[in-house]
Amino acid sequence: MPIRTASARWQGDLAEGSGTVRTGKGGLSGNYSFKSRFEEGEGTNPEELIGAAHASCFSMALSKQLADSGVTGTSVETTAKVHFDKTDAGMTVTRIDLETVGQAPGLDEAGFTKLAEAAKEGCPISRLLSPGAEITLTARLA
């Protein structure tokens, strides 16, 4: 498997500086700053990027679970809400709430939820993050 890369550059001090982030092949790039991370400023932040990675990985994992069960999923749409809280150890990603909606003709709600839970357990990004952050899941059919 190839090694995936991303890069970031920061200029200036923490409060007034700014940065850029870019994925290795340029599929994603953006600006980030203190305000975009700790306030409501323009740009992205590391927590949103973690959320994007988790939502995309989980959606692919659920698509695989559906296919392995003989169900052709029409779509899987996932949102990851990343909780970034002050703890005794400092600012910490404490929880990620995955919310997914799928279209899977022929599958009932209980079956979809079961496959979504299996996808959460099997998703490589979930496995990476779960030792340090609680991961919740809400799954429903469209």
N, C-alpha and C. Protein backbone atom coordinates (compact mmCIF):
# COMPACT_ATOMS: atom_id res chain seq x y z
N MET A 1 0.84 -1.18 0.00
CA MET A 1 0.00 0.00 0.00
C MET A 1 0.89 1.24 0.00
N PRO A 2 0.47 2.27 -0.69
CA PRO A 2 1.25 3.51 -0.72
C PRO A 2 1.18 4.22 0.63
N ILE A 3 2.17 5.03 0.90
CA ILE A 3 2.18 5.88 2.09
C ILE A 3 1.51 7.19 1.72
N ARG A 4 0.53 7.59 2.49
CA ARG A 4 -0.23 8.82 2.22
C ARG A 4 0.43 9.98 2.95
N THR A 5 0.40 11.15 2.34
CA THR A 5 1.04 12.32 2.95
C THR A 5 0.11 13.52 2.95
N ALA A 6 0.41 14.43 3.82
CA ALA A 6 -0.24 15.73 3.87
C ALA A 6 0.81 16.69 4.44
N SER A 7 0.63 17.97 4.18
CA SER A 7 1.60 18.93 4.70
C SER A 7 0.88 20.16 5.21
N ALA A 8 1.55 20.86 6.10
CA ALA A 8 1.01 22.10 6.65
C ALA A 8 2.15 23.08 6.84
N ARG A 9 1.84 24.35 6.69
CA ARG A 9 2.80 25.42 6.91
C ARG A 9 2.13 26.47 7.78
N TRP A 10 2.84 26.92 8.79
CA TRP A 10 2.36 27.96 9.69
C TRP A 10 3.33 29.12 9.67
N GLN A 11 2.81 30.33 9.62
CA GLN A 11 3.64 31.52 9.65
C GLN A 11 3.14 32.46 10.73
N GLY A 12 4.05 33.00 11.53
CA GLY A 12 3.69 33.95 12.57
C GLY A 12 3.48 33.29 13.91
N ASP A 13 3.02 34.11 14.86
CA ASP A 13 2.77 33.57 16.20
C ASP A 13 1.43 32.85 16.23
N LEU A 14 1.12 32.26 17.37
CA LEU A 14 -0.10 31.44 17.46
C LEU A 14 -1.37 32.25 17.24
N ALA A 15 -1.52 33.37 17.92
CA ALA A 15 -2.78 34.10 17.88
C ALA A 15 -3.01 34.87 16.59
N GLU A 16 -1.96 35.39 15.99
CA GLU A 16 -2.12 36.23 14.80
C GLU A 16 -1.61 35.57 13.52
N GLY A 17 -0.94 34.44 13.65
CA GLY A 17 -0.38 33.77 12.48
C GLY A 17 -1.45 33.09 11.66
N SER A 18 -1.01 32.45 10.59
CA SER A 18 -1.93 31.71 9.74
C SER A 18 -1.17 30.59 9.05
N GLY A 19 -1.94 29.66 8.52
CA GLY A 19 -1.31 28.52 7.88
C GLY A 19 -2.10 28.02 6.70
N THR A 20 -1.46 27.10 6.00
CA THR A 20 -2.10 26.40 4.89
C THR A 20 -1.87 24.91 5.09
N VAL A 21 -2.82 24.13 4.65
CA VAL A 21 -2.75 22.68 4.73
C VAL A 21 -3.08 22.12 3.36
N ARG A 22 -2.42 21.01 3.01
CA ARG A 22 -2.61 20.43 1.69
C ARG A 22 -2.42 18.93 1.76
N THR A 23 -3.31 18.19 1.11
CA THR A 23 -3.09 16.75 1.01
C THR A 23 -2.05 16.48 -0.07
N GLY A 24 -1.45 15.31 0.01
CA GLY A 24 -0.32 14.97 -0.84
C GLY A 24 -0.52 15.15 -2.33
N LYS A 25 -1.64 14.77 -2.86
CA LYS A 25 -1.89 14.88 -4.29
C LYS A 25 -2.69 16.12 -4.63
N GLY A 26 -2.92 16.99 -3.64
CA GLY A 26 -3.58 18.25 -3.89
C GLY A 26 -5.09 18.19 -3.97
N GLY A 27 -5.69 17.08 -3.58
CA GLY A 27 -7.14 16.97 -3.64
C GLY A 27 -7.84 17.88 -2.65
N LEU A 28 -7.13 18.26 -1.62
CA LEU A 28 -7.70 19.12 -0.59
C LEU A 28 -6.64 20.10 -0.14
N SER A 29 -6.99 21.36 -0.11
CA SER A 29 -6.08 22.38 0.43
C SER A 29 -6.92 23.48 1.05
N GLY A 30 -6.36 24.13 2.04
CA GLY A 30 -7.10 25.20 2.69
C GLY A 30 -6.27 25.98 3.65
N ASN A 31 -6.85 27.04 4.13
CA ASN A 31 -6.21 27.91 5.11
C ASN A 31 -6.71 27.56 6.50
N TYR A 32 -5.87 27.81 7.50
CA TYR A 32 -6.30 27.66 8.88
C TYR A 32 -5.63 28.71 9.73
N SER A 33 -6.24 28.98 10.89
CA SER A 33 -5.74 30.03 11.77
C SER A 33 -6.21 29.76 13.20
N PHE A 34 -5.73 30.56 14.12
CA PHE A 34 -6.19 30.49 15.50
C PHE A 34 -7.71 30.70 15.54
N LYS A 35 -8.18 31.68 14.80
CA LYS A 35 -9.62 31.99 14.80
C LYS A 35 -10.45 30.86 14.22
N SER A 36 -9.95 30.18 13.18
CA SER A 36 -10.73 29.09 12.59
C SER A 36 -10.72 27.85 13.50
N ARG A 37 -9.76 27.80 14.43
CA ARG A 37 -9.69 26.66 15.32
C ARG A 37 -10.40 26.90 16.65
N PHE A 38 -10.19 28.06 17.23
CA PHE A 38 -10.69 28.31 18.58
C PHE A 38 -11.86 29.28 18.64
N GLU A 39 -12.18 29.90 17.53
CA GLU A 39 -13.29 30.85 17.48
C GLU A 39 -14.18 30.46 16.30
N GLU A 40 -14.65 31.41 15.54
CA GLU A 40 -15.51 31.12 14.39
C GLU A 40 -14.96 31.77 13.12
N GLY A 41 -13.64 31.77 12.98
CA GLY A 41 -13.03 32.42 11.82
C GLY A 41 -13.10 31.59 10.56
N GLU A 42 -12.77 32.25 9.45
CA GLU A 42 -12.74 31.60 8.13
C GLU A 42 -11.63 30.55 8.08
N GLY A 43 -11.84 29.52 7.30
CA GLY A 43 -10.82 28.49 7.10
C GLY A 43 -11.19 27.21 7.83
N THR A 44 -10.26 26.27 7.79
CA THR A 44 -10.48 24.97 8.40
C THR A 44 -9.68 24.87 9.69
N ASN A 45 -9.59 23.67 10.23
CA ASN A 45 -8.78 23.41 11.42
C ASN A 45 -8.51 21.92 11.50
N PRO A 46 -7.55 21.52 12.33
CA PRO A 46 -7.23 20.09 12.40
C PRO A 46 -8.41 19.21 12.78
N GLU A 47 -9.30 19.70 13.64
CA GLU A 47 -10.43 18.89 14.06
C GLU A 47 -11.41 18.63 12.92
N GLU A 48 -11.64 19.64 12.07
CA GLU A 48 -12.48 19.42 10.89
C GLU A 48 -11.84 18.43 9.94
N LEU A 49 -10.54 18.49 9.81
CA LEU A 49 -9.84 17.56 8.92
C LEU A 49 -9.92 16.13 9.46
N ILE A 50 -9.83 15.98 10.78
CA ILE A 50 -10.03 14.66 11.39
C ILE A 50 -11.45 14.18 11.12
N GLY A 51 -12.42 15.09 11.27
CA GLY A 51 -13.81 14.74 10.99
C GLY A 51 -14.02 14.31 9.55
N ALA A 52 -13.39 15.02 8.62
CA ALA A 52 -13.51 14.66 7.20
C ALA A 52 -12.89 13.29 6.94
N ALA A 53 -11.74 13.03 7.54
CA ALA A 53 -11.09 11.73 7.37
C ALA A 53 -11.96 10.62 7.95
N HIS A 54 -12.52 10.87 9.12
CA HIS A 54 -13.33 9.84 9.77
C HIS A 54 -14.62 9.59 9.00
N ALA A 55 -15.31 10.66 8.59
CA ALA A 55 -16.57 10.50 7.86
C ALA A 55 -16.35 9.76 6.54
N SER A 56 -15.28 10.09 5.84
CA SER A 56 -15.03 9.44 4.55
C SER A 56 -14.62 7.99 4.72
N CYS A 57 -13.78 7.70 5.72
CA CYS A 57 -13.38 6.32 5.98
C CYS A 57 -14.58 5.47 6.39
N PHE A 58 -15.39 6.01 7.31
CA PHE A 58 -16.56 5.27 7.77
C PHE A 58 -17.53 5.01 6.62
N SER A 59 -17.77 6.00 5.77
CA SER A 59 -18.69 5.81 4.64
C SER A 59 -18.21 4.70 3.72
N MET A 60 -16.92 4.65 3.47
CA MET A 60 -16.37 3.57 2.64
C MET A 60 -16.50 2.21 3.35
N ALA A 61 -16.23 2.19 4.66
CA ALA A 61 -16.34 0.94 5.43
C ALA A 61 -17.78 0.43 5.43
N LEU A 62 -18.75 1.35 5.56
CA LEU A 62 -20.14 0.93 5.54
C LEU A 62 -20.54 0.44 4.16
N SER A 63 -20.05 1.07 3.13
CA SER A 63 -20.31 0.61 1.77
C SER A 63 -19.80 -0.82 1.58
N LYS A 64 -18.62 -1.11 2.15
CA LYS A 64 -18.08 -2.47 2.07
C LYS A 64 -18.94 -3.45 2.87
N GLN A 65 -19.38 -3.05 4.06
CA GLN A 65 -20.25 -3.92 4.86
C GLN A 65 -21.53 -4.25 4.09
N LEU A 66 -22.10 -3.24 3.45
CA LEU A 66 -23.31 -3.47 2.66
C LEU A 66 -23.04 -4.48 1.54
N ALA A 67 -21.96 -4.25 0.80
CA ALA A 67 -21.63 -5.14 -0.32
C ALA A 67 -21.35 -6.56 0.16
N ASP A 68 -20.60 -6.69 1.26
CA ASP A 68 -20.29 -8.02 1.80
C ASP A 68 -21.55 -8.75 2.25
N SER A 69 -22.60 -8.01 2.56
CA SER A 69 -23.87 -8.62 2.98
C SER A 69 -24.82 -8.84 1.80
N GLY A 70 -24.35 -8.56 0.60
CA GLY A 70 -25.16 -8.77 -0.59
C GLY A 70 -26.14 -7.65 -0.88
N VAL A 71 -25.93 -6.50 -0.25
CA VAL A 71 -26.81 -5.35 -0.45
C VAL A 71 -26.06 -4.31 -1.27
N THR A 72 -26.71 -3.81 -2.30
CA THR A 72 -26.11 -2.74 -3.10
C THR A 72 -26.57 -1.41 -2.53
N GLY A 73 -25.68 -0.74 -1.84
CA GLY A 73 -26.01 0.56 -1.29
C GLY A 73 -26.02 1.61 -2.38
N THR A 74 -27.05 2.45 -2.38
CA THR A 74 -27.14 3.52 -3.36
C THR A 74 -26.30 4.71 -2.93
N SER A 75 -26.34 5.01 -1.62
CA SER A 75 -25.52 6.12 -1.10
C SER A 75 -25.35 5.97 0.40
N VAL A 76 -24.26 6.53 0.89
CA VAL A 76 -23.99 6.64 2.33
C VAL A 76 -23.49 8.05 2.55
N GLU A 77 -24.16 8.79 3.41
CA GLU A 77 -23.75 10.15 3.72
C GLU A 77 -23.49 10.24 5.23
N THR A 78 -22.28 10.63 5.60
CA THR A 78 -21.88 10.64 7.00
C THR A 78 -21.36 12.01 7.41
N THR A 79 -21.77 12.45 8.57
CA THR A 79 -21.23 13.66 9.20
C THR A 79 -20.51 13.23 10.47
N ALA A 80 -19.34 13.78 10.70
CA ALA A 80 -18.60 13.53 11.93
C ALA A 80 -18.53 14.84 12.72
N LYS A 81 -19.09 14.83 13.91
CA LYS A 81 -19.04 15.99 14.79
C LYS A 81 -17.94 15.76 15.81
N VAL A 82 -16.87 16.53 15.68
CA VAL A 82 -15.68 16.35 16.52
C VAL A 82 -15.76 17.30 17.70
N HIS A 83 -15.75 16.73 18.90
CA HIS A 83 -15.79 17.52 20.13
C HIS A 83 -14.36 17.80 20.59
N PHE A 84 -14.02 19.06 20.69
CA PHE A 84 -12.68 19.53 21.05
C PHE A 84 -12.82 20.28 22.36
N ASP A 85 -12.41 19.65 23.47
CA ASP A 85 -12.70 20.18 24.80
C ASP A 85 -11.43 20.36 25.62
N LYS A 86 -11.53 21.28 26.57
CA LYS A 86 -10.43 21.49 27.52
C LYS A 86 -10.52 20.42 28.60
N THR A 87 -9.44 19.68 28.79
CA THR A 87 -9.37 18.66 29.83
C THR A 87 -8.17 18.97 30.71
N ASP A 88 -7.97 18.15 31.73
CA ASP A 88 -6.80 18.33 32.59
C ASP A 88 -5.50 18.22 31.80
N ALA A 89 -5.51 17.45 30.73
CA ALA A 89 -4.32 17.27 29.89
C ALA A 89 -4.16 18.39 28.86
N GLY A 90 -5.14 19.27 28.75
CA GLY A 90 -5.12 20.33 27.73
C GLY A 90 -6.25 20.11 26.74
N MET A 91 -6.23 20.88 25.65
CA MET A 91 -7.26 20.74 24.61
C MET A 91 -7.16 19.34 24.01
N THR A 92 -8.32 18.67 23.92
CA THR A 92 -8.34 17.26 23.53
C THR A 92 -9.58 16.95 22.70
N VAL A 93 -9.41 16.13 21.67
CA VAL A 93 -10.56 15.57 20.98
C VAL A 93 -11.11 14.50 21.90
N THR A 94 -12.30 14.75 22.47
CA THR A 94 -12.87 13.85 23.47
C THR A 94 -13.90 12.89 22.89
N ARG A 95 -14.59 13.33 21.84
CA ARG A 95 -15.66 12.49 21.29
C ARG A 95 -15.89 12.85 19.84
N ILE A 96 -16.28 11.85 19.07
CA ILE A 96 -16.70 12.06 17.69
C ILE A 96 -18.06 11.38 17.52
N ASP A 97 -19.04 12.17 17.12
CA ASP A 97 -20.38 11.64 16.86
C ASP A 97 -20.53 11.44 15.36
N LEU A 98 -20.62 10.19 14.95
CA LEU A 98 -20.87 9.87 13.55
C LEU A 98 -22.38 9.80 13.34
N GLU A 99 -22.85 10.50 12.33
CA GLU A 99 -24.27 10.45 11.95
C GLU A 99 -24.32 10.06 10.49
N THR A 100 -24.92 8.93 10.21
CA THR A 100 -24.93 8.44 8.83
C THR A 100 -26.34 8.13 8.37
N VAL A 101 -26.58 8.43 7.11
CA VAL A 101 -27.85 8.15 6.46
C VAL A 101 -27.52 7.39 5.18
N GLY A 102 -28.16 6.25 5.01
CA GLY A 102 -27.87 5.45 3.84
C GLY A 102 -29.11 5.09 3.05
N GLN A 103 -28.87 4.82 1.81
CA GLN A 103 -29.91 4.26 0.94
C GLN A 103 -29.44 2.87 0.57
N ALA A 104 -30.19 1.88 1.02
CA ALA A 104 -29.83 0.49 0.81
C ALA A 104 -31.11 -0.30 0.55
N PRO A 105 -31.57 -0.31 -0.70
CA PRO A 105 -32.82 -1.00 -1.03
C PRO A 105 -32.81 -2.45 -0.58
N GLY A 106 -33.91 -2.85 0.07
CA GLY A 106 -34.04 -4.23 0.52
C GLY A 106 -33.56 -4.47 1.93
N LEU A 107 -33.00 -3.46 2.57
CA LEU A 107 -32.47 -3.61 3.93
C LEU A 107 -33.36 -2.83 4.89
N ASP A 108 -33.67 -3.44 6.04
CA ASP A 108 -34.48 -2.72 7.03
C ASP A 108 -33.57 -1.92 7.96
N GLU A 109 -34.20 -1.11 8.80
CA GLU A 109 -33.47 -0.22 9.71
C GLU A 109 -32.54 -0.99 10.65
N ALA A 110 -33.02 -2.08 11.22
CA ALA A 110 -32.21 -2.88 12.14
C ALA A 110 -30.99 -3.47 11.44
N GLY A 111 -31.18 -3.96 10.25
CA GLY A 111 -30.06 -4.51 9.48
C GLY A 111 -29.04 -3.45 9.12
N PHE A 112 -29.54 -2.27 8.76
CA PHE A 112 -28.65 -1.17 8.42
C PHE A 112 -27.83 -0.74 9.64
N THR A 113 -28.49 -0.63 10.78
CA THR A 113 -27.81 -0.24 12.01
C THR A 113 -26.74 -1.25 12.39
N LYS A 114 -27.04 -2.52 12.25
CA LYS A 114 -26.07 -3.58 12.57
C LYS A 114 -24.84 -3.46 11.67
N LEU A 115 -25.05 -3.24 10.38
CA LEU A 115 -23.92 -3.10 9.46
C LEU A 115 -23.14 -1.81 9.73
N ALA A 116 -23.85 -0.76 10.12
CA ALA A 116 -23.17 0.51 10.45
C ALA A 116 -22.29 0.34 11.68
N GLU A 117 -22.77 -0.38 12.69
CA GLU A 117 -21.95 -0.64 13.88
C GLU A 117 -20.70 -1.44 13.51
N ALA A 118 -20.85 -2.43 12.65
CA ALA A 118 -19.70 -3.22 12.21
C ALA A 118 -18.71 -2.34 11.44
N ALA A 119 -19.24 -1.42 10.64
CA ALA A 119 -18.36 -0.50 9.91
C ALA A 119 -17.60 0.40 10.86
N LYS A 120 -18.27 0.87 11.91
CA LYS A 120 -17.60 1.71 12.90
C LYS A 120 -16.45 0.96 13.55
N GLU A 121 -16.66 -0.30 13.87
CA GLU A 121 -15.61 -1.11 14.50
C GLU A 121 -14.48 -1.42 13.53
N GLY A 122 -14.79 -1.57 12.25
CA GLY A 122 -13.78 -1.96 11.27
C GLY A 122 -13.08 -0.81 10.56
N CYS A 123 -13.63 0.38 10.65
CA CYS A 123 -13.05 1.53 9.97
C CYS A 123 -11.66 1.83 10.54
N PRO A 124 -10.63 1.89 9.69
CA PRO A 124 -9.28 2.15 10.20
C PRO A 124 -9.14 3.47 10.98
N ILE A 125 -9.87 4.49 10.59
CA ILE A 125 -9.78 5.76 11.32
C ILE A 125 -10.49 5.63 12.67
N SER A 126 -11.60 4.91 12.75
CA SER A 126 -12.24 4.65 14.04
C SER A 126 -11.28 3.90 14.96
N ARG A 127 -10.61 2.90 14.42
CA ARG A 127 -9.66 2.13 15.24
C ARG A 127 -8.51 3.00 15.72
N LEU A 128 -8.08 3.93 14.89
CA LEU A 128 -7.00 4.85 15.28
C LEU A 128 -7.45 5.77 16.42
N LEU A 129 -8.66 6.31 16.30
CA LEU A 129 -9.13 7.34 17.22
C LEU A 129 -9.78 6.79 18.49
N SER A 130 -10.33 5.59 18.45
CA SER A 130 -11.13 5.09 19.58
C SER A 130 -10.37 4.90 20.88
N PRO A 131 -9.08 4.63 20.89
CA PRO A 131 -8.44 4.53 22.21
C PRO A 131 -8.44 5.86 22.98
N GLY A 132 -8.49 6.99 22.29
CA GLY A 132 -8.42 8.27 22.97
C GLY A 132 -9.71 9.05 22.99
N ALA A 133 -10.64 8.72 22.10
CA ALA A 133 -11.89 9.48 22.01
C ALA A 133 -13.06 8.51 21.94
N GLU A 134 -14.16 8.90 22.58
CA GLU A 134 -15.39 8.12 22.47
C GLU A 134 -15.96 8.34 21.07
N ILE A 135 -16.44 7.29 20.44
CA ILE A 135 -17.05 7.39 19.13
C ILE A 135 -18.48 6.89 19.24
N THR A 136 -19.43 7.78 18.93
CA THR A 136 -20.84 7.40 18.94
C THR A 136 -21.33 7.29 17.51
N LEU A 137 -22.43 6.58 17.32
CA LEU A 137 -22.97 6.39 15.98
C LEU A 137 -24.48 6.46 16.01
N THR A 138 -25.02 7.25 15.11
CA THR A 138 -26.45 7.27 14.83
C THR A 138 -26.59 6.91 13.36
N ALA A 139 -27.32 5.85 13.06
CA ALA A 139 -27.47 5.38 11.69
C ALA A 139 -28.95 5.22 11.37
N ARG A 140 -29.31 5.68 10.15
CA ARG A 140 -30.70 5.51 9.71
C ARG A 140 -30.73 5.42 8.20
N LEU A 141 -31.78 4.82 7.72
CA LEU A 141 -32.03 4.75 6.29
C LEU A 141 -32.72 6.02 5.83
N ALA A 142 -32.43 6.43 4.62
CA ALA A 142 -33.07 7.63 4.07
C ALA A 142 -34.52 7.37 3.74
